[in-house]
Amino acid sequence: MKLSKSLLLRVGAAVLIAALIAAGGRKVIDAVWAGVQQGAMIALVALGYTMVYGILKLINFAHSEVFMMSAYFGLKLTEGFGPKDASASPVFAGVIGTLSAMVLAGILGVVVEKIAYAPLRSRTRGKSNTNTRITPLVTALGMSVLLQNLAQVIFGTRRESYPQLLPINNVRLIVFVVAVAMMGALQLLVYGTWFGKAMRAVSVNMEAARLMGIRTSRIIAMTFVTGSMLAAVGAILFCLSQSQVYPTMGTIIGTRSFVAAVIGGIGNIPGAMLGGVLIGVVGELTKLTDYSGLQDVIIFVVLIGVLLVRPTGLLGKAGTEKV
């Protein structure tokens, strides 16, 4: 049975509205708003998964650890640029720390691509056997474990908290506005610049793009940079609003971001945004029930339900390539 995208969206909106009417409480409205804010942060991380998959058809499981390392970058840099006296504004430290963390995260993303994926890509160019699919996947898992253990060696295992940089009453609004602004900037980059056009050409056919004069290795590297910088923003917003920093923090948020990318249609940028918001709202509404401890279970049930109806995700397009 095939259902149109518009029908799925209408059904989802109707279910959400019915739940709001049935509950009729302020708690549900607050949970939905918190879920939208949470989903915006998840979407920022999910975009990294979906951008890399769109070009390389590779699930970059190390992306969750780039998220974690970015949180540490932001923490240390924010503390380094922090106010030295009571008259200094912490907002300056937050902005400079975030921008610097984005740069470091972009560099880390390029290093991961050059060390782990570029050599494999050069050796398997023109081949299409099973090993060309499995080897990069195992390499991504290995790089994820490596970065997680590296963080424990460099930063230790103790949980650390960000300094208070945002007004407590406006945290959700500020986080949401920043996340939406970053996603809007990405849309402009992908659909309004030469780099975005080259990225879309490489995602359609890498060999043809290379023959047309596009430096595919540079486009791939810049894709990792862009995804890693978005993950850095998501990590800092996540830690400022609700979490401490620790070496294994990327596991949970990375899993949810990957699920969001798959639900929305992996390889589809608007789909990652939609999937992130959906996951966020479902998770927050689950906390209002007696099954709050099963939040991740319910999220995976939603994933299975979506894939049963739309195997390519809500906004994904069916392809002829077999994975």
C-alpha atoms as a PDB file:
ATOM      1  CA  MET A   1       0.000   0.000   0.000  1.00  0.00           C
ATOM      2  CA  LYS A   2       1.414   3.369  -1.029  1.00  0.00           C
ATOM      3  CA  LEU A   3       0.648   6.582   0.765  1.00  0.00           C
ATOM      4  CA  SER A   4       1.496  10.040  -0.477  1.00  0.00           C
ATOM      5  CA  LYS A   5       3.798  12.310   1.494  1.00  0.00           C
ATOM      6  CA  SER A   6       1.086  14.909   1.952  1.00  0.00           C
ATOM      7  CA  LEU A   7      -1.315  12.286   3.324  1.00  0.00           C
ATOM      8  CA  LEU A   8       1.298  11.060   5.804  1.00  0.00           C
ATOM      9  CA  LEU A   9       1.935  14.600   6.979  1.00  0.00           C
ATOM     10  CA  ARG A  10      -1.787  15.282   7.349  1.00  0.00           C
ATOM     11  CA  VAL A  11      -2.311  12.075   9.327  1.00  0.00           C
ATOM     12  CA  GLY A  12       0.622  12.872  11.597  1.00  0.00           C
ATOM     13  CA  ALA A  13      -0.635  16.405  12.201  1.00  0.00           C
ATOM     14  CA  ALA A  14      -4.150  15.105  12.916  1.00  0.00           C
ATOM     15  CA  VAL A  15      -2.827  12.593  15.460  1.00  0.00           C
ATOM     16  CA  LEU A  16      -0.782  15.295  17.169  1.00  0.00           C
ATOM     17  CA  ILE A  17      -3.725  17.725  17.295  1.00  0.00           C
ATOM     18  CA  ALA A  18      -6.015  14.978  18.632  1.00  0.00           C
ATOM     19  CA  ALA A  19      -3.518  14.207  21.380  1.00  0.00           C
ATOM     20  CA  LEU A  20      -3.363  17.879  22.320  1.00  0.00           C
ATOM     21  CA  ILE A  21      -7.153  18.194  22.427  1.00  0.00           C
ATOM     22  CA  ALA A  22      -7.547  14.971  24.415  1.00  0.00           C
ATOM     23  CA  ALA A  23      -4.962  15.973  26.992  1.00  0.00           C
ATOM     24  CA  GLY A  24      -5.906  19.642  26.993  1.00  0.00           C
ATOM     25  CA  GLY A  25      -3.105  20.446  29.360  1.00  0.00           C
ATOM     26  CA  ARG A  26      -0.287  22.913  29.480  1.00  0.00           C
ATOM     27  CA  LYS A  27       2.116  20.025  30.021  1.00  0.00           C
ATOM     28  CA  VAL A  28       1.444  18.620  26.566  1.00  0.00           C
ATOM     29  CA  ILE A  29       1.971  21.982  24.865  1.00  0.00           C
ATOM     30  CA  ASP A  30       5.214  22.465  26.784  1.00  0.00           C
ATOM     31  CA  ALA A  31       6.304  18.947  25.835  1.00  0.00           C
ATOM     32  CA  VAL A  32       5.629  19.610  22.148  1.00  0.00           C
ATOM     33  CA  TRP A  33       7.598  22.863  22.272  1.00  0.00           C
ATOM     34  CA  ALA A  34      10.454  21.108  24.083  1.00  0.00           C
ATOM     35  CA  GLY A  35      10.293  18.335  21.492  1.00  0.00           C
ATOM     36  CA  VAL A  36      10.554  20.800  18.619  1.00  0.00           C
ATOM     37  CA  GLN A  37      13.592  22.394  20.247  1.00  0.00           C
ATOM     38  CA  GLN A  38      15.120  18.980  20.941  1.00  0.00           C
ATOM     39  CA  GLY A  39      14.318  17.884  17.405  1.00  0.00           C
ATOM     40  CA  ALA A  40      16.048  20.924  15.932  1.00  0.00           C
ATOM     41  CA  MET A  41      19.270  19.938  17.706  1.00  0.00           C
ATOM     42  CA  ILE A  42      18.896  16.318  16.611  1.00  0.00           C
ATOM     43  CA  ALA A  43      18.358  17.514  13.038  1.00  0.00           C
ATOM     44  CA  LEU A  44      21.658  19.415  13.087  1.00  0.00           C
ATOM     45  CA  VAL A  45      23.468  16.165  13.854  1.00  0.00           C
ATOM     46  CA  ALA A  46      21.304  14.102  11.496  1.00  0.00           C
ATOM     47  CA  LEU A  47      22.297  16.404   8.642  1.00  0.00           C
ATOM     48  CA  GLY A  48      25.873  15.159   8.967  1.00  0.00           C
ATOM     49  CA  TYR A  49      24.755  11.561   8.475  1.00  0.00           C
ATOM     50  CA  THR A  50      22.506  12.388   5.556  1.00  0.00           C
ATOM     51  CA  MET A  51      25.011  14.629   3.729  1.00  0.00           C
ATOM     52  CA  VAL A  52      27.784  12.023   3.818  1.00  0.00           C
ATOM     53  CA  TYR A  53      25.403   9.255   2.790  1.00  0.00           C
ATOM     54  CA  GLY A  54      24.039  11.376  -0.031  1.00  0.00           C
ATOM     55  CA  ILE A  55      27.515  11.622  -1.569  1.00  0.00           C
ATOM     56  CA  LEU A  56      29.375   8.446  -0.552  1.00  0.00           C
ATOM     57  CA  LYS A  57      26.474   6.082   0.266  1.00  0.00           C
ATOM     58  CA  LEU A  58      28.287   5.586   3.567  1.00  0.00           C
ATOM     59  CA  ILE A  59      26.911   5.633   7.114  1.00  0.00           C
ATOM     60  CA  ASN A  60      29.533   7.658   8.984  1.00  0.00           C
ATOM     61  CA  PHE A  61      29.119   6.213  12.480  1.00  0.00           C
ATOM     62  CA  ALA A  62      32.098   8.275  13.637  1.00  0.00           C
ATOM     63  CA  HIS A  63      29.887  11.352  13.280  1.00  0.00           C
ATOM     64  CA  SER A  64      28.435  10.790  16.764  1.00  0.00           C
ATOM     65  CA  GLU A  65      31.943  11.018  18.201  1.00  0.00           C
ATOM     66  CA  VAL A  66      32.616  14.193  16.216  1.00  0.00           C
ATOM     67  CA  PHE A  67      29.525  15.517  18.018  1.00  0.00           C
ATOM     68  CA  MET A  68      31.040  14.500  21.364  1.00  0.00           C
ATOM     69  CA  MET A  69      34.485  15.957  20.613  1.00  0.00           C
ATOM     70  CA  SER A  70      32.815  19.193  19.464  1.00  0.00           C
ATOM     71  CA  ALA A  71      31.107  19.460  22.854  1.00  0.00           C
ATOM     72  CA  TYR A  72      34.504  19.241  24.533  1.00  0.00           C
ATOM     73  CA  PHE A  73      35.974  21.781  22.100  1.00  0.00           C
ATOM     74  CA  GLY A  74      33.159  24.195  22.895  1.00  0.00           C
ATOM     75  CA  LEU A  75      33.512  23.692  26.647  1.00  0.00           C
ATOM     76  CA  LYS A  76      37.270  24.259  26.781  1.00  0.00           C
ATOM     77  CA  LEU A  77      37.190  27.204  24.379  1.00  0.00           C
ATOM     78  CA  THR A  78      34.261  28.854  26.143  1.00  0.00           C
ATOM     79  CA  GLU A  79      36.085  28.553  29.453  1.00  0.00           C
ATOM     80  CA  GLY A  80      39.240  29.927  27.816  1.00  0.00           C
ATOM     81  CA  PHE A  81      37.431  32.956  26.393  1.00  0.00           C
ATOM     82  CA  GLY A  82      35.272  33.303  29.500  1.00  0.00           C
ATOM     83  CA  PRO A  83      34.802  36.555  31.439  1.00  0.00           C
ATOM     84  CA  LYS A  84      37.681  37.413  33.716  1.00  0.00           C
ATOM     85  CA  ASP A  85      35.645  39.883  35.758  1.00  0.00           C
ATOM     86  CA  ALA A  86      32.008  40.455  36.680  1.00  0.00           C
ATOM     87  CA  SER A  87      31.519  43.185  34.068  1.00  0.00           C
ATOM     88  CA  ALA A  88      32.422  40.987  31.101  1.00  0.00           C
ATOM     89  CA  SER A  89      29.623  39.400  29.086  1.00  0.00           C
ATOM     90  CA  PRO A  90      29.507  35.581  28.890  1.00  0.00           C
ATOM     91  CA  VAL A  91      27.742  35.864  25.515  1.00  0.00           C
ATOM     92  CA  PHE A  92      31.023  36.930  23.902  1.00  0.00           C
ATOM     93  CA  ALA A  93      32.729  33.831  25.279  1.00  0.00           C
ATOM     94  CA  GLY A  94      29.892  31.667  24.006  1.00  0.00           C
ATOM     95  CA  VAL A  95      29.953  33.101  20.474  1.00  0.00           C
ATOM     96  CA  ILE A  96      33.734  32.971  20.099  1.00  0.00           C
ATOM     97  CA  GLY A  97      33.885  29.533  21.701  1.00  0.00           C
ATOM     98  CA  THR A  98      31.178  28.202  19.387  1.00  0.00           C
ATOM     99  CA  LEU A  99      32.778  29.580  16.233  1.00  0.00           C
ATOM    100  CA  SER A 100      36.178  28.201  17.255  1.00  0.00           C
ATOM    101  CA  ALA A 101      34.645  24.825  18.088  1.00  0.00           C
ATOM    102  CA  MET A 102      33.014  24.749  14.638  1.00  0.00           C
ATOM    103  CA  VAL A 103      36.425  25.305  13.018  1.00  0.00           C
ATOM    104  CA  LEU A 104      38.039  22.543  15.087  1.00  0.00           C
ATOM    105  CA  ALA A 105      35.131  20.201  14.382  1.00  0.00           C
ATOM    106  CA  GLY A 106      35.476  20.862  10.651  1.00  0.00           C
ATOM    107  CA  ILE A 107      39.188  20.055  10.842  1.00  0.00           C
ATOM    108  CA  LEU A 108      38.408  16.858  12.754  1.00  0.00           C
ATOM    109  CA  GLY A 109      35.854  15.873  10.114  1.00  0.00           C
ATOM    110  CA  VAL A 110      38.428  16.295   7.345  1.00  0.00           C
ATOM    111  CA  VAL A 111      41.015  14.297   9.310  1.00  0.00           C
ATOM    112  CA  VAL A 112      38.529  11.453   9.773  1.00  0.00           C
ATOM    113  CA  GLU A 113      37.721  11.471   6.054  1.00  0.00           C
ATOM    114  CA  LYS A 114      41.357  11.590   4.942  1.00  0.00           C
ATOM    115  CA  ILE A 115      42.584   8.935   7.351  1.00  0.00           C
ATOM    116  CA  ALA A 116      39.671   6.491   7.378  1.00  0.00           C
ATOM    117  CA  TYR A 117      37.682   6.844   4.166  1.00  0.00           C
ATOM    118  CA  ALA A 118      39.816   8.386   1.402  1.00  0.00           C
ATOM    119  CA  PRO A 119      42.310   5.472   1.232  1.00  0.00           C
ATOM    120  CA  LEU A 120      39.460   2.968   1.028  1.00  0.00           C
ATOM    121  CA  ARG A 121      37.751   4.993  -1.675  1.00  0.00           C
ATOM    122  CA  SER A 122      40.880   5.115  -3.827  1.00  0.00           C
ATOM    123  CA  ARG A 123      41.432   1.355  -3.526  1.00  0.00           C
ATOM    124  CA  THR A 124      37.828   0.397  -4.303  1.00  0.00           C
ATOM    125  CA  ARG A 125      37.188   2.863  -7.134  1.00  0.00           C
ATOM    126  CA  GLY A 126      35.402   1.152  -9.993  1.00  0.00           C
ATOM    127  CA  LYS A 127      34.603  -1.970  -7.961  1.00  0.00           C
ATOM    128  CA  SER A 128      31.146  -3.021  -6.822  1.00  0.00           C
ATOM    129  CA  ASN A 129      31.473  -6.122  -4.629  1.00  0.00           C
ATOM    130  CA  THR A 130      30.261  -6.711  -1.092  1.00  0.00           C
ATOM    131  CA  ASN A 131      33.597  -5.798   0.495  1.00  0.00           C
ATOM    132  CA  THR A 132      33.392  -2.257  -0.890  1.00  0.00           C
ATOM    133  CA  ARG A 133      30.250  -1.818   1.236  1.00  0.00           C
ATOM    134  CA  ILE A 134      31.303  -3.648   4.402  1.00  0.00           C
ATOM    135  CA  THR A 135      34.867  -2.343   4.739  1.00  0.00           C
ATOM    136  CA  PRO A 136      33.947   1.380   5.031  1.00  0.00           C
ATOM    137  CA  LEU A 137      31.178   0.460   7.492  1.00  0.00           C
ATOM    138  CA  VAL A 138      33.585  -1.443   9.748  1.00  0.00           C
ATOM    139  CA  THR A 139      36.118   1.373   9.391  1.00  0.00           C
ATOM    140  CA  ALA A 140      33.500   3.903  10.509  1.00  0.00           C
ATOM    141  CA  LEU A 141      32.725   1.828  13.597  1.00  0.00           C
ATOM    142  CA  GLY A 142      36.434   1.529  14.366  1.00  0.00           C
ATOM    143  CA  MET A 143      36.945   5.279  14.010  1.00  0.00           C
ATOM    144  CA  SER A 144      34.010   5.848  16.365  1.00  0.00           C
ATOM    145  CA  VAL A 145      35.585   3.656  19.056  1.00  0.00           C
ATOM    146  CA  LEU A 146      38.972   5.314  18.489  1.00  0.00           C
ATOM    147  CA  LEU A 147      37.604   8.842  18.984  1.00  0.00           C
ATOM    148  CA  GLN A 148      35.652   7.802  22.059  1.00  0.00           C
ATOM    149  CA  ASN A 149      38.747   6.328  23.709  1.00  0.00           C
ATOM    150  CA  LEU A 150      40.862   9.286  22.601  1.00  0.00           C
ATOM    151  CA  ALA A 151      38.449  11.623  24.376  1.00  0.00           C
ATOM    152  CA  GLN A 152      38.772   9.592  27.564  1.00  0.00           C
ATOM    153  CA  VAL A 153      42.559   9.860  27.391  1.00  0.00           C
ATOM    154  CA  ILE A 154      42.630  13.597  26.634  1.00  0.00           C
ATOM    155  CA  PHE A 155      39.680  14.895  28.666  1.00  0.00           C
ATOM    156  CA  GLY A 156      39.157  12.148  31.238  1.00  0.00           C
ATOM    157  CA  THR A 157      35.919  10.410  32.167  1.00  0.00           C
ATOM    158  CA  ARG A 158      34.562  12.987  34.602  1.00  0.00           C
ATOM    159  CA  ARG A 159      31.346  14.736  33.568  1.00  0.00           C
ATOM    160  CA  GLU A 160      31.700  18.485  33.077  1.00  0.00           C
ATOM    161  CA  SER A 161      29.090  21.226  32.780  1.00  0.00           C
ATOM    162  CA  TYR A 162      29.027  24.282  30.547  1.00  0.00           C
ATOM    163  CA  PRO A 163      29.009  27.699  32.234  1.00  0.00           C
ATOM    164  CA  GLN A 164      25.689  29.552  32.230  1.00  0.00           C
ATOM    165  CA  LEU A 165      25.756  31.529  28.971  1.00  0.00           C
ATOM    166  CA  LEU A 166      22.087  31.837  28.030  1.00  0.00           C
ATOM    167  CA  PRO A 167      19.216  33.448  29.961  1.00  0.00           C
ATOM    168  CA  ILE A 168      17.493  30.622  31.813  1.00  0.00           C
ATOM    169  CA  ASN A 169      13.975  31.730  30.807  1.00  0.00           C
ATOM    170  CA  ASN A 170      14.785  31.912  27.083  1.00  0.00           C
ATOM    171  CA  VAL A 171      17.020  28.862  26.574  1.00  0.00           C
ATOM    172  CA  ARG A 172      14.551  26.921  24.428  1.00  0.00           C
ATOM    173  CA  LEU A 173      13.707  29.876  22.204  1.00  0.00           C
ATOM    174  CA  ILE A 174      17.364  30.788  21.641  1.00  0.00           C
ATOM    175  CA  VAL A 175      18.327  27.179  20.917  1.00  0.00           C
ATOM    176  CA  PHE A 176      15.449  26.793  18.460  1.00  0.00           C
ATOM    177  CA  VAL A 177      16.203  30.053  16.630  1.00  0.00           C
ATOM    178  CA  VAL A 178      19.909  29.229  16.281  1.00  0.00           C
ATOM    179  CA  ALA A 179      19.191  25.690  15.066  1.00  0.00           C
ATOM    180  CA  VAL A 180      16.666  26.857  12.474  1.00  0.00           C
ATOM    181  CA  ALA A 181      19.046  29.592  11.300  1.00  0.00           C
ATOM    182  CA  MET A 182      21.817  27.038  10.791  1.00  0.00           C
ATOM    183  CA  MET A 183      19.524  24.731   8.842  1.00  0.00           C
ATOM    184  CA  GLY A 184      18.373  27.651   6.706  1.00  0.00           C
ATOM    185  CA  ALA A 185      21.990  28.564   5.998  1.00  0.00           C
ATOM    186  CA  LEU A 186      22.641  24.965   4.932  1.00  0.00           C
ATOM    187  CA  GLN A 187      19.692  25.050   2.533  1.00  0.00           C
ATOM    188  CA  LEU A 188      21.068  28.252   1.034  1.00  0.00           C
ATOM    189  CA  LEU A 189      24.516  26.677   0.726  1.00  0.00           C
ATOM    190  CA  VAL A 190      23.263  23.517  -0.970  1.00  0.00           C
ATOM    191  CA  TYR A 191      20.731  25.065  -3.342  1.00  0.00           C
ATOM    192  CA  GLY A 192      22.104  28.554  -3.887  1.00  0.00           C
ATOM    193  CA  THR A 193      25.870  28.229  -4.357  1.00  0.00           C
ATOM    194  CA  TRP A 194      28.316  26.633  -6.771  1.00  0.00           C
ATOM    195  CA  PHE A 195      29.539  24.352  -3.993  1.00  0.00           C
ATOM    196  CA  GLY A 196      26.009  23.116  -3.395  1.00  0.00           C
ATOM    197  CA  LYS A 197      25.501  22.473  -7.092  1.00  0.00           C
ATOM    198  CA  ALA A 198      28.768  20.512  -7.212  1.00  0.00           C
ATOM    199  CA  MET A 199      27.749  18.557  -4.121  1.00  0.00           C
ATOM    200  CA  ARG A 200      24.449  17.577  -5.709  1.00  0.00           C
ATOM    201  CA  ALA A 201      26.226  16.581  -8.914  1.00  0.00           C
ATOM    202  CA  VAL A 202      28.634  14.327  -7.008  1.00  0.00           C
ATOM    203  CA  SER A 203      25.740  12.725  -5.137  1.00  0.00           C
ATOM    204  CA  VAL A 204      24.009  11.850  -8.423  1.00  0.00           C
ATOM    205  CA  ASN A 205      27.038  10.439 -10.245  1.00  0.00           C
ATOM    206  CA  MET A 206      30.557  10.832  -8.906  1.00  0.00           C
ATOM    207  CA  GLU A 207      32.335   9.631 -12.040  1.00  0.00           C
ATOM    208  CA  ALA A 208      30.320  11.901 -14.308  1.00  0.00           C
ATOM    209  CA  ALA A 209      30.989  14.831 -11.987  1.00  0.00           C
ATOM    210  CA  ARG A 210      34.712  14.102 -12.130  1.00  0.00           C
ATOM    211  CA  LEU A 211      34.614  14.029 -15.931  1.00  0.00           C
ATOM    212  CA  MET A 212      32.878  17.416 -15.880  1.00  0.00           C
ATOM    213  CA  GLY A 213      35.862  18.913 -14.037  1.00  0.00           C
ATOM    214  CA  ILE A 214      34.523  18.829 -10.484  1.00  0.00           C
ATOM    215  CA  ARG A 215      37.229  18.036  -7.940  1.00  0.00           C
ATOM    216  CA  THR A 216      35.282  15.343  -6.160  1.00  0.00           C
ATOM    217  CA  SER A 217      37.824  14.794  -3.373  1.00  0.00           C
ATOM    218  CA  ARG A 218      37.576  18.461  -2.414  1.00  0.00           C
ATOM    219  CA  ILE A 219      33.754  18.362  -2.488  1.00  0.00           C
ATOM    220  CA  ILE A 220      33.740  15.266  -0.279  1.00  0.00           C
ATOM    221  CA  ALA A 221      36.134  16.895   2.189  1.00  0.00           C
ATOM    222  CA  MET A 222      34.009  20.039   2.329  1.00  0.00           C
ATOM    223  CA  THR A 223      30.917  17.908   2.916  1.00  0.00           C
ATOM    224  CA  PHE A 224      32.584  16.391   5.978  1.00  0.00           C
ATOM    225  CA  VAL A 225      33.571  19.896   7.114  1.00  0.00           C
ATOM    226  CA  THR A 226      30.013  21.193   6.766  1.00  0.00           C
ATOM    227  CA  GLY A 227      28.434  18.226   8.536  1.00  0.00           C
ATOM    228  CA  SER A 228      30.969  18.384  11.376  1.00  0.00           C
ATOM    229  CA  MET A 229      30.437  22.120  11.887  1.00  0.00           C
ATOM    230  CA  LEU A 230      26.684  21.596  12.123  1.00  0.00           C
ATOM    231  CA  ALA A 231      27.305  18.815  14.648  1.00  0.00           C
ATOM    232  CA  ALA A 232      29.416  21.258  16.679  1.00  0.00           C
ATOM    233  CA  VAL A 233      26.539  23.732  16.856  1.00  0.00           C
ATOM    234  CA  GLY A 234      24.159  20.948  17.842  1.00  0.00           C
ATOM    235  CA  ALA A 235      26.553  19.690  20.529  1.00  0.00           C
ATOM    236  CA  ILE A 236      26.996  23.106  22.146  1.00  0.00           C
ATOM    237  CA  LEU A 237      23.263  23.839  22.082  1.00  0.00           C
ATOM    238  CA  PHE A 238      22.569  20.403  23.556  1.00  0.00           C
ATOM    239  CA  CYS A 239      25.035  20.919  26.402  1.00  0.00           C
ATOM    240  CA  LEU A 240      23.910  24.466  27.131  1.00  0.00           C
ATOM    241  CA  SER A 241      20.283  23.430  27.438  1.00  0.00           C
ATOM    242  CA  GLN A 242      20.207  19.982  28.995  1.00  0.00           C
ATOM    243  CA  SER A 243      23.358  17.883  29.245  1.00  0.00           C
ATOM    244  CA  GLN A 244      26.813  17.625  30.703  1.00  0.00           C
ATOM    245  CA  VAL A 245      29.847  16.685  28.616  1.00  0.00           C
ATOM    246  CA  TYR A 246      31.298  13.166  28.856  1.00  0.00           C
ATOM    247  CA  PRO A 247      33.082  10.782  26.444  1.00  0.00           C
ATOM    248  CA  THR A 248      30.101   8.511  25.725  1.00  0.00           C
ATOM    249  CA  MET A 249      27.506  11.256  25.227  1.00  0.00           C
ATOM    250  CA  GLY A 250      27.597  10.788  21.455  1.00  0.00           C
ATOM    251  CA  THR A 251      26.138   7.286  21.621  1.00  0.00           C
ATOM    252  CA  ILE A 252      22.558   8.213  22.509  1.00  0.00           C
ATOM    253  CA  ILE A 253      22.270  11.447  20.539  1.00  0.00           C
ATOM    254  CA  GLY A 254      24.084   9.849  17.597  1.00  0.00           C
ATOM    255  CA  THR A 255      21.656   6.933  17.531  1.00  0.00           C
ATOM    256  CA  ARG A 256      18.646   9.238  17.653  1.00  0.00           C
ATOM    257  CA  SER A 257      20.124  11.431  14.922  1.00  0.00           C
ATOM    258  CA  PHE A 258      20.737   8.417  12.707  1.00  0.00           C
ATOM    259  CA  VAL A 259      17.152   7.266  13.272  1.00  0.00           C
ATOM    260  CA  ALA A 260      15.941  10.764  12.407  1.00  0.00           C
ATOM    261  CA  ALA A 261      17.921  10.724   9.164  1.00  0.00           C
ATOM    262  CA  VAL A 262      16.474   7.327   8.214  1.00  0.00           C
ATOM    263  CA  ILE A 263      12.901   8.322   9.089  1.00  0.00           C
ATOM    264  CA  GLY A 264      13.141  11.495   7.035  1.00  0.00           C
ATOM    265  CA  GLY A 265      14.843   9.722   4.140  1.00  0.00           C
ATOM    266  CA  ILE A 266      18.591   9.347   4.471  1.00  0.00           C
ATOM    267  CA  GLY A 267      20.380  11.420   1.862  1.00  0.00           C
ATOM    268  CA  ASN A 268      17.551  13.979   1.902  1.00  0.00           C
ATOM    269  CA  ILE A 269      18.342  17.228   3.761  1.00  0.00           C
ATOM    270  CA  PRO A 270      14.737  18.386   4.414  1.00  0.00           C
ATOM    271  CA  GLY A 271      14.002  14.804   5.457  1.00  0.00           C
ATOM    272  CA  ALA A 272      16.682  14.957   8.166  1.00  0.00           C
ATOM    273  CA  MET A 273      15.074  18.126   9.518  1.00  0.00           C
ATOM    274  CA  LEU A 274      11.610  16.560   9.500  1.00  0.00           C
ATOM    275  CA  GLY A 275      12.860  13.346  11.093  1.00  0.00           C
ATOM    276  CA  GLY A 276      14.679  15.253  13.832  1.00  0.00           C
ATOM    277  CA  VAL A 277      11.591  17.240  14.821  1.00  0.00           C
ATOM    278  CA  LEU A 278       9.431  14.096  14.741  1.00  0.00           C
ATOM    279  CA  ILE A 279      11.853  12.192  16.975  1.00  0.00           C
ATOM    280  CA  GLY A 280      12.086  15.119  19.374  1.00  0.00           C
ATOM    281  CA  VAL A 281       8.316  15.530  19.730  1.00  0.00           C
ATOM    282  CA  VAL A 282       7.709  11.784  20.129  1.00  0.00           C
ATOM    283  CA  GLY A 283      10.415  11.557  22.770  1.00  0.00           C
ATOM    284  CA  GLU A 284       9.088  14.463  24.824  1.00  0.00           C
ATOM    285  CA  LEU A 285       5.480  13.280  24.625  1.00  0.00           C
ATOM    286  CA  THR A 286       6.607   9.832  25.778  1.00  0.00           C
ATOM    287  CA  LYS A 287       7.970  11.395  28.964  1.00  0.00           C
ATOM    288  CA  LEU A 288       4.394  12.360  29.925  1.00  0.00           C
ATOM    289  CA  THR A 289       3.254   8.735  29.922  1.00  0.00           C
ATOM    290  CA  ASP A 290       3.932   5.786  32.188  1.00  0.00           C
ATOM    291  CA  TYR A 291       6.444   4.553  29.621  1.00  0.00           C
ATOM    292  CA  SER A 292       8.930   7.400  29.921  1.00  0.00           C
ATOM    293  CA  GLY A 293      11.738   4.896  30.477  1.00  0.00           C
ATOM    294  CA  LEU A 294      10.998   3.345  27.094  1.00  0.00           C
ATOM    295  CA  GLN A 295      11.602   6.533  25.131  1.00  0.00           C
ATOM    296  CA  ASP A 296      14.178   5.010  22.779  1.00  0.00           C
ATOM    297  CA  VAL A 297      12.075   1.878  22.326  1.00  0.00           C
ATOM    298  CA  ILE A 298       9.106   3.952  21.187  1.00  0.00           C
ATOM    299  CA  ILE A 299      11.347   5.951  18.852  1.00  0.00           C
ATOM    300  CA  PHE A 300      12.483   2.732  17.192  1.00  0.00           C
ATOM    301  CA  VAL A 301       8.866   1.561  16.961  1.00  0.00           C
ATOM    302  CA  VAL A 302       8.127   4.800  15.082  1.00  0.00           C
ATOM    303  CA  LEU A 303      11.114   4.068  12.822  1.00  0.00           C
ATOM    304  CA  ILE A 304       9.831   0.583  12.037  1.00  0.00           C
ATOM    305  CA  GLY A 305       6.322   1.900  11.393  1.00  0.00           C
ATOM    306  CA  VAL A 306       7.566   4.552   8.981  1.00  0.00           C
ATOM    307  CA  LEU A 307       9.795   2.098   7.102  1.00  0.00           C
ATOM    308  CA  LEU A 308       6.938  -0.393   6.744  1.00  0.00           C
ATOM    309  CA  VAL A 309       4.879   2.275   4.991  1.00  0.00           C
ATOM    310  CA  ARG A 310       7.705   4.226   3.333  1.00  0.00           C
ATOM    311  CA  PRO A 311      10.882   2.085   3.042  1.00  0.00           C
ATOM    312  CA  THR A 312      12.843   5.085   1.765  1.00  0.00           C
ATOM    313  CA  GLY A 313      11.688   7.393   4.576  1.00  0.00           C
ATOM    314  CA  LEU A 314       9.093  10.146   4.637  1.00  0.00           C
ATOM    315  CA  LEU A 315      10.798  12.331   2.035  1.00  0.00           C
ATOM    316  CA  GLY A 316      13.143   9.754   0.505  1.00  0.00           C
ATOM    317  CA  LYS A 317      13.025   8.773  -3.147  1.00  0.00           C
ATOM    318  CA  ALA A 318      13.072   5.203  -4.351  1.00  0.00           C
ATOM    319  CA  GLY A 319      16.189   4.188  -6.273  1.00  0.00           C
ATOM    320  CA  THR A 320      17.218   1.209  -8.355  1.00  0.00           C
ATOM    321  CA  GLU A 321      20.578   0.667  -6.656  1.00  0.00           C
ATOM    322  CA  LYS A 322      20.790  -2.322  -4.355  1.00  0.00           C
ATOM    323  CA  VAL A 323      22.686  -1.803  -1.116  1.00  0.00           C
END
